C-alpha cells in the first residue's frame, strides 16, 4: 500500500478502468471494496502513510509538508463506485470537479 496514489507517477502504473468522471484513472492495484466506507478507510491509510513518509510520494510532492501533501491528495484522489457496484480508488491528475473549491474554501 505504500505505492503512490496522488501523483502522476501513480497514473502511469494504474490500471485504467471505469471512473465516474472523465479523466479519472482507477488505481486497481489497491483493490476493489464492497463499500464506500471500506474504500475510504483504505485510502485514508495509504494517504496517511504517504503524509508521514515523503519518500513514498511521487515526483513533485516529496518536498511538500505533510499538511500540504494532504491538501493536494484530497483534491486528486477519492473512492468511486464502478459500473459493477464495487468501490475503487480513483486518481485525477488535475483534480476532480469541485475539489479545489471544496478544499480551498471557495
N, C-alpha and C. Protein backbone atom coordinates (compact mmCIF):
# COMPACT_ATOMS: atom_id res chain seq x y z
N UNK A 1 0.81 -1.20 0.00
CA UNK A 1 0.00 0.00 0.00
C UNK A 1 0.85 1.25 0.00
N UNK A 2 2.15 1.12 -0.01
CA UNK A 2 2.99 2.30 0.04
C UNK A 2 3.19 2.94 -1.33
N UNK A 3 2.67 2.33 -2.37
CA UNK A 3 2.79 2.93 -3.69
C UNK A 3 2.02 4.24 -3.71
N UNK A 4 2.39 5.08 -4.61
CA UNK A 4 1.82 6.43 -4.68
C UNK A 4 0.41 6.44 -5.22
N UNK A 5 -0.46 7.18 -4.58
CA UNK A 5 -1.82 7.35 -5.06
C UNK A 5 -1.97 8.68 -5.77
N UNK A 6 -1.47 9.67 -5.16
CA UNK A 6 -1.82 11.03 -5.52
C UNK A 6 -1.12 11.56 -6.76
N UNK A 7 -0.05 11.00 -7.14
CA UNK A 7 0.82 11.65 -8.10
C UNK A 7 0.73 11.08 -9.49
N UNK A 8 1.20 11.88 -10.40
CA UNK A 8 1.17 11.49 -11.81
C UNK A 8 1.89 10.17 -12.04
N UNK A 9 2.91 9.90 -11.27
CA UNK A 9 3.61 8.63 -11.38
C UNK A 9 2.69 7.45 -11.14
N UNK A 10 1.73 7.63 -10.25
CA UNK A 10 0.77 6.56 -9.97
C UNK A 10 -0.13 6.32 -11.16
N UNK A 11 -0.48 7.37 -11.85
CA UNK A 11 -1.35 7.22 -13.01
C UNK A 11 -0.70 6.36 -14.08
N UNK A 12 0.59 6.47 -14.21
CA UNK A 12 1.30 5.67 -15.20
C UNK A 12 1.28 4.19 -14.83
N UNK A 13 1.25 3.89 -13.54
CA UNK A 13 1.24 2.50 -13.08
C UNK A 13 -0.16 1.95 -12.87
N UNK A 14 -1.14 2.82 -12.95
CA UNK A 14 -2.51 2.44 -12.64
C UNK A 14 -3.13 1.60 -13.74
N UNK A 15 -4.11 0.84 -13.34
CA UNK A 15 -4.87 0.05 -14.28
C UNK A 15 -6.09 0.86 -14.70
N UNK A 16 -6.15 1.32 -15.95
CA UNK A 16 -7.31 2.10 -16.36
C UNK A 16 -8.58 1.25 -16.27
N UNK A 17 -9.62 1.85 -15.81
CA UNK A 17 -10.91 1.18 -15.70
C UNK A 17 -11.99 2.23 -15.65
N UNK A 18 -13.21 1.82 -15.44
CA UNK A 18 -14.34 2.73 -15.38
C UNK A 18 -14.18 3.72 -14.23
N UNK A 19 -14.39 4.98 -14.51
CA UNK A 19 -14.41 6.00 -13.47
C UNK A 19 -15.62 6.89 -13.71
N UNK A 20 -16.19 7.43 -12.66
CA UNK A 20 -17.40 8.22 -12.76
C UNK A 20 -17.21 9.48 -13.60
N UNK A 21 -16.11 10.18 -13.45
CA UNK A 21 -15.85 11.40 -14.20
C UNK A 21 -14.81 11.15 -15.26
N UNK A 22 -14.90 11.92 -16.35
CA UNK A 22 -13.88 11.83 -17.40
C UNK A 22 -12.54 12.25 -16.82
N UNK A 23 -11.49 11.58 -17.22
CA UNK A 23 -10.15 11.93 -16.77
C UNK A 23 -9.67 11.18 -15.55
N UNK A 24 -10.54 10.44 -14.91
CA UNK A 24 -10.14 9.66 -13.74
C UNK A 24 -9.52 8.34 -14.14
N UNK A 25 -8.56 7.89 -13.33
CA UNK A 25 -7.92 6.60 -13.55
C UNK A 25 -8.09 5.77 -12.29
N UNK A 26 -8.70 4.61 -12.45
CA UNK A 26 -8.87 3.71 -11.32
C UNK A 26 -7.51 3.12 -10.95
N UNK A 27 -7.15 3.23 -9.69
CA UNK A 27 -5.89 2.66 -9.21
C UNK A 27 -6.17 1.23 -8.75
N UNK A 28 -6.24 0.35 -9.70
CA UNK A 28 -6.65 -1.03 -9.45
C UNK A 28 -5.74 -1.82 -8.53
N UNK A 29 -4.50 -1.40 -8.40
CA UNK A 29 -3.57 -2.14 -7.55
C UNK A 29 -3.95 -2.07 -6.07
N UNK A 30 -4.83 -1.16 -5.71
CA UNK A 30 -5.27 -1.05 -4.31
C UNK A 30 -6.46 -1.93 -4.02
N UNK A 31 -7.02 -2.55 -5.03
CA UNK A 31 -8.11 -3.48 -4.82
C UNK A 31 -9.48 -2.90 -5.08
N UNK A 32 -10.46 -3.74 -4.85
CA UNK A 32 -11.86 -3.40 -5.01
C UNK A 32 -12.52 -3.60 -3.66
N UNK A 33 -13.42 -2.71 -3.32
CA UNK A 33 -14.04 -2.73 -1.99
C UNK A 33 -15.55 -2.85 -2.13
N UNK A 34 -16.17 -3.49 -1.17
CA UNK A 34 -17.61 -3.72 -1.23
C UNK A 34 -18.42 -2.52 -0.75
N UNK A 35 -17.78 -1.59 -0.05
CA UNK A 35 -18.50 -0.41 0.42
C UNK A 35 -17.62 0.83 0.30
N UNK A 36 -18.29 1.97 0.24
CA UNK A 36 -17.56 3.24 0.20
C UNK A 36 -16.70 3.41 1.45
N UNK A 37 -17.25 3.08 2.60
CA UNK A 37 -16.51 3.24 3.86
C UNK A 37 -15.23 2.40 3.88
N UNK A 38 -15.32 1.18 3.38
CA UNK A 38 -14.14 0.30 3.33
C UNK A 38 -13.08 0.89 2.40
N UNK A 39 -13.51 1.38 1.24
CA UNK A 39 -12.60 2.00 0.28
C UNK A 39 -11.97 3.26 0.88
N UNK A 40 -12.79 4.09 1.48
CA UNK A 40 -12.30 5.34 2.05
C UNK A 40 -11.32 5.11 3.20
N UNK A 41 -11.55 4.06 3.99
CA UNK A 41 -10.62 3.72 5.08
C UNK A 41 -9.26 3.31 4.50
N UNK A 42 -9.28 2.52 3.43
CA UNK A 42 -8.03 2.10 2.79
C UNK A 42 -7.29 3.31 2.20
N UNK A 43 -8.04 4.20 1.56
CA UNK A 43 -7.44 5.41 1.00
C UNK A 43 -6.84 6.28 2.10
N UNK A 44 -7.54 6.43 3.19
CA UNK A 44 -7.04 7.24 4.31
C UNK A 44 -5.75 6.64 4.88
N UNK A 45 -5.68 5.31 4.95
CA UNK A 45 -4.48 4.64 5.46
C UNK A 45 -3.28 4.91 4.55
N UNK A 46 -3.47 4.76 3.25
CA UNK A 46 -2.39 4.99 2.30
C UNK A 46 -1.98 6.46 2.32
N UNK A 47 -2.98 7.34 2.32
CA UNK A 47 -2.71 8.78 2.34
C UNK A 47 -1.90 9.16 3.59
N UNK A 48 -2.26 8.60 4.73
CA UNK A 48 -1.56 8.90 5.97
C UNK A 48 -0.12 8.37 5.94
N UNK A 49 0.08 7.17 5.42
CA UNK A 49 1.43 6.63 5.28
C UNK A 49 2.30 7.54 4.41
N UNK A 50 1.72 8.02 3.31
CA UNK A 50 2.47 8.89 2.41
C UNK A 50 2.72 10.26 3.05
N UNK A 51 1.78 10.73 3.82
CA UNK A 51 1.96 12.01 4.52
C UNK A 51 3.16 11.93 5.46
N UNK A 52 3.28 10.80 6.17
CA UNK A 52 4.37 10.62 7.13
C UNK A 52 5.72 10.36 6.49
N UNK A 53 5.74 9.74 5.31
CA UNK A 53 6.99 9.34 4.67
C UNK A 53 7.07 9.89 3.25
N UNK A 54 7.67 11.06 3.08
CA UNK A 54 7.74 11.70 1.76
C UNK A 54 8.41 10.84 0.68
N UNK A 55 9.24 9.88 1.07
CA UNK A 55 9.90 9.04 0.06
C UNK A 55 8.91 8.14 -0.67
N UNK A 56 7.70 7.97 -0.14
CA UNK A 56 6.69 7.14 -0.80
C UNK A 56 5.82 7.94 -1.77
N UNK A 57 6.06 9.23 -1.85
CA UNK A 57 5.28 10.11 -2.74
C UNK A 57 5.95 10.21 -4.10
N UNK A 58 5.19 10.65 -5.08
CA UNK A 58 5.71 10.84 -6.43
C UNK A 58 6.49 12.13 -6.58
N UNK A 59 7.16 12.23 -7.71
CA UNK A 59 7.94 13.42 -8.03
C UNK A 59 7.06 14.66 -7.97
N UNK A 60 7.61 15.71 -7.41
CA UNK A 60 6.87 16.95 -7.29
C UNK A 60 6.10 17.09 -5.99
N UNK A 61 5.98 16.01 -5.25
CA UNK A 61 5.24 16.02 -4.00
C UNK A 61 6.10 15.67 -2.79
N UNK A 62 7.31 15.23 -3.02
CA UNK A 62 8.18 14.80 -1.93
C UNK A 62 8.64 15.96 -1.05
N UNK A 63 8.68 17.16 -1.60
CA UNK A 63 9.14 18.31 -0.83
C UNK A 63 8.02 19.03 -0.09
N UNK A 64 6.78 18.60 -0.27
CA UNK A 64 5.66 19.23 0.42
C UNK A 64 5.65 18.86 1.90
N UNK A 65 5.17 19.77 2.72
CA UNK A 65 4.96 19.43 4.13
C UNK A 65 3.85 18.39 4.18
N UNK A 66 3.71 17.73 5.31
CA UNK A 66 2.64 16.73 5.47
C UNK A 66 1.27 17.32 5.23
N UNK A 67 1.02 18.52 5.75
CA UNK A 67 -0.30 19.13 5.59
C UNK A 67 -0.54 19.57 4.14
N UNK A 68 0.49 20.09 3.47
CA UNK A 68 0.34 20.48 2.07
C UNK A 68 0.11 19.25 1.20
N UNK A 69 0.80 18.16 1.51
CA UNK A 69 0.58 16.91 0.78
C UNK A 69 -0.86 16.44 0.97
N UNK A 70 -1.34 16.48 2.20
CA UNK A 70 -2.69 16.03 2.49
C UNK A 70 -3.72 16.85 1.71
N UNK A 71 -3.54 18.16 1.67
CA UNK A 71 -4.46 19.03 0.91
C UNK A 71 -4.45 18.66 -0.57
N UNK A 72 -3.27 18.43 -1.13
CA UNK A 72 -3.17 18.05 -2.54
C UNK A 72 -3.86 16.71 -2.79
N UNK A 73 -3.65 15.76 -1.90
CA UNK A 73 -4.25 14.44 -2.04
C UNK A 73 -5.77 14.49 -2.00
N UNK A 74 -6.30 15.35 -1.16
CA UNK A 74 -7.76 15.46 -1.03
C UNK A 74 -8.42 16.01 -2.29
N UNK A 75 -7.64 16.62 -3.17
CA UNK A 75 -8.20 17.16 -4.41
C UNK A 75 -7.95 16.28 -5.62
N UNK A 76 -7.17 15.21 -5.45
CA UNK A 76 -6.82 14.38 -6.60
C UNK A 76 -7.24 12.92 -6.48
N UNK A 77 -7.54 12.44 -5.30
CA UNK A 77 -7.93 11.03 -5.14
C UNK A 77 -9.20 10.91 -4.32
N UNK A 78 -10.00 9.94 -4.67
CA UNK A 78 -11.23 9.66 -3.92
C UNK A 78 -11.72 8.27 -4.28
N UNK A 79 -12.68 7.78 -3.52
CA UNK A 79 -13.31 6.50 -3.81
C UNK A 79 -14.55 6.73 -4.65
N UNK A 80 -14.73 5.89 -5.65
CA UNK A 80 -15.90 5.98 -6.52
C UNK A 80 -16.47 4.59 -6.77
N UNK A 81 -17.75 4.57 -7.01
CA UNK A 81 -18.43 3.31 -7.32
C UNK A 81 -18.27 3.02 -8.81
N UNK A 82 -17.90 1.80 -9.13
CA UNK A 82 -17.74 1.39 -10.52
C UNK A 82 -19.08 0.95 -11.08
N UNK A 83 -19.11 0.71 -12.37
CA UNK A 83 -20.33 0.25 -13.02
C UNK A 83 -20.84 -1.06 -12.45
N UNK A 84 -19.95 -1.87 -11.90
CA UNK A 84 -20.34 -3.16 -11.32
C UNK A 84 -20.82 -3.03 -9.87
N UNK A 85 -20.76 -1.81 -9.32
CA UNK A 85 -21.24 -1.60 -7.96
C UNK A 85 -20.18 -1.64 -6.88
N UNK A 86 -18.97 -2.03 -7.23
CA UNK A 86 -17.88 -2.05 -6.25
C UNK A 86 -17.29 -0.64 -6.14
N UNK A 87 -16.40 -0.46 -5.19
CA UNK A 87 -15.73 0.84 -5.00
C UNK A 87 -14.24 0.68 -5.21
N UNK A 88 -13.65 1.67 -5.87
CA UNK A 88 -12.21 1.67 -6.10
C UNK A 88 -11.68 3.08 -5.92
N UNK A 89 -10.37 3.18 -5.68
CA UNK A 89 -9.71 4.47 -5.54
C UNK A 89 -9.45 5.01 -6.94
N UNK A 90 -9.84 6.27 -7.16
CA UNK A 90 -9.68 6.90 -8.46
C UNK A 90 -8.79 8.14 -8.31
N UNK A 91 -7.85 8.27 -9.22
CA UNK A 91 -6.90 9.38 -9.23
C UNK A 91 -7.22 10.32 -10.39
N UNK A 92 -7.22 11.62 -10.12
CA UNK A 92 -7.41 12.67 -11.13
C UNK A 92 -6.17 13.56 -11.11
N UNK A 93 -5.35 13.50 -12.15
CA UNK A 93 -4.10 14.26 -12.19
C UNK A 93 -4.34 15.76 -12.02
N UNK A 94 -5.43 16.26 -12.57
CA UNK A 94 -5.74 17.69 -12.48
C UNK A 94 -6.78 17.99 -11.41
N UNK A 95 -7.07 17.04 -10.56
CA UNK A 95 -8.10 17.21 -9.53
C UNK A 95 -9.47 16.89 -10.10
N UNK A 96 -10.39 16.51 -9.24
CA UNK A 96 -11.73 16.21 -9.70
C UNK A 96 -12.62 17.44 -9.57
N UNK A 97 -13.71 17.47 -10.34
CA UNK A 97 -14.60 18.62 -10.37
C UNK A 97 -15.05 19.02 -8.98
N UNK A 98 -14.91 20.28 -8.65
CA UNK A 98 -15.35 20.81 -7.38
C UNK A 98 -14.37 20.62 -6.24
N UNK A 99 -13.35 19.82 -6.41
CA UNK A 99 -12.43 19.52 -5.31
C UNK A 99 -11.64 20.74 -4.88
N UNK A 100 -11.14 21.49 -5.80
CA UNK A 100 -10.33 22.66 -5.45
C UNK A 100 -11.16 23.66 -4.66
N UNK A 101 -12.39 23.91 -5.11
CA UNK A 101 -13.26 24.84 -4.40
C UNK A 101 -13.59 24.33 -3.02
N UNK A 102 -13.89 23.05 -2.92
CA UNK A 102 -14.28 22.46 -1.63
C UNK A 102 -13.16 22.57 -0.61
N UNK A 103 -11.93 22.29 -1.00
CA UNK A 103 -10.84 22.27 -0.04
C UNK A 103 -10.10 23.61 0.08
N UNK A 104 -10.32 24.51 -0.89
CA UNK A 104 -9.72 25.84 -0.79
C UNK A 104 -10.63 26.83 -0.10
N UNK A 105 -11.85 26.39 0.20
CA UNK A 105 -12.80 27.26 0.88
C UNK A 105 -13.48 28.25 -0.04
N UNK A 106 -13.42 28.03 -1.36
CA UNK A 106 -14.07 28.93 -2.32
C UNK A 106 -15.42 28.42 -2.74
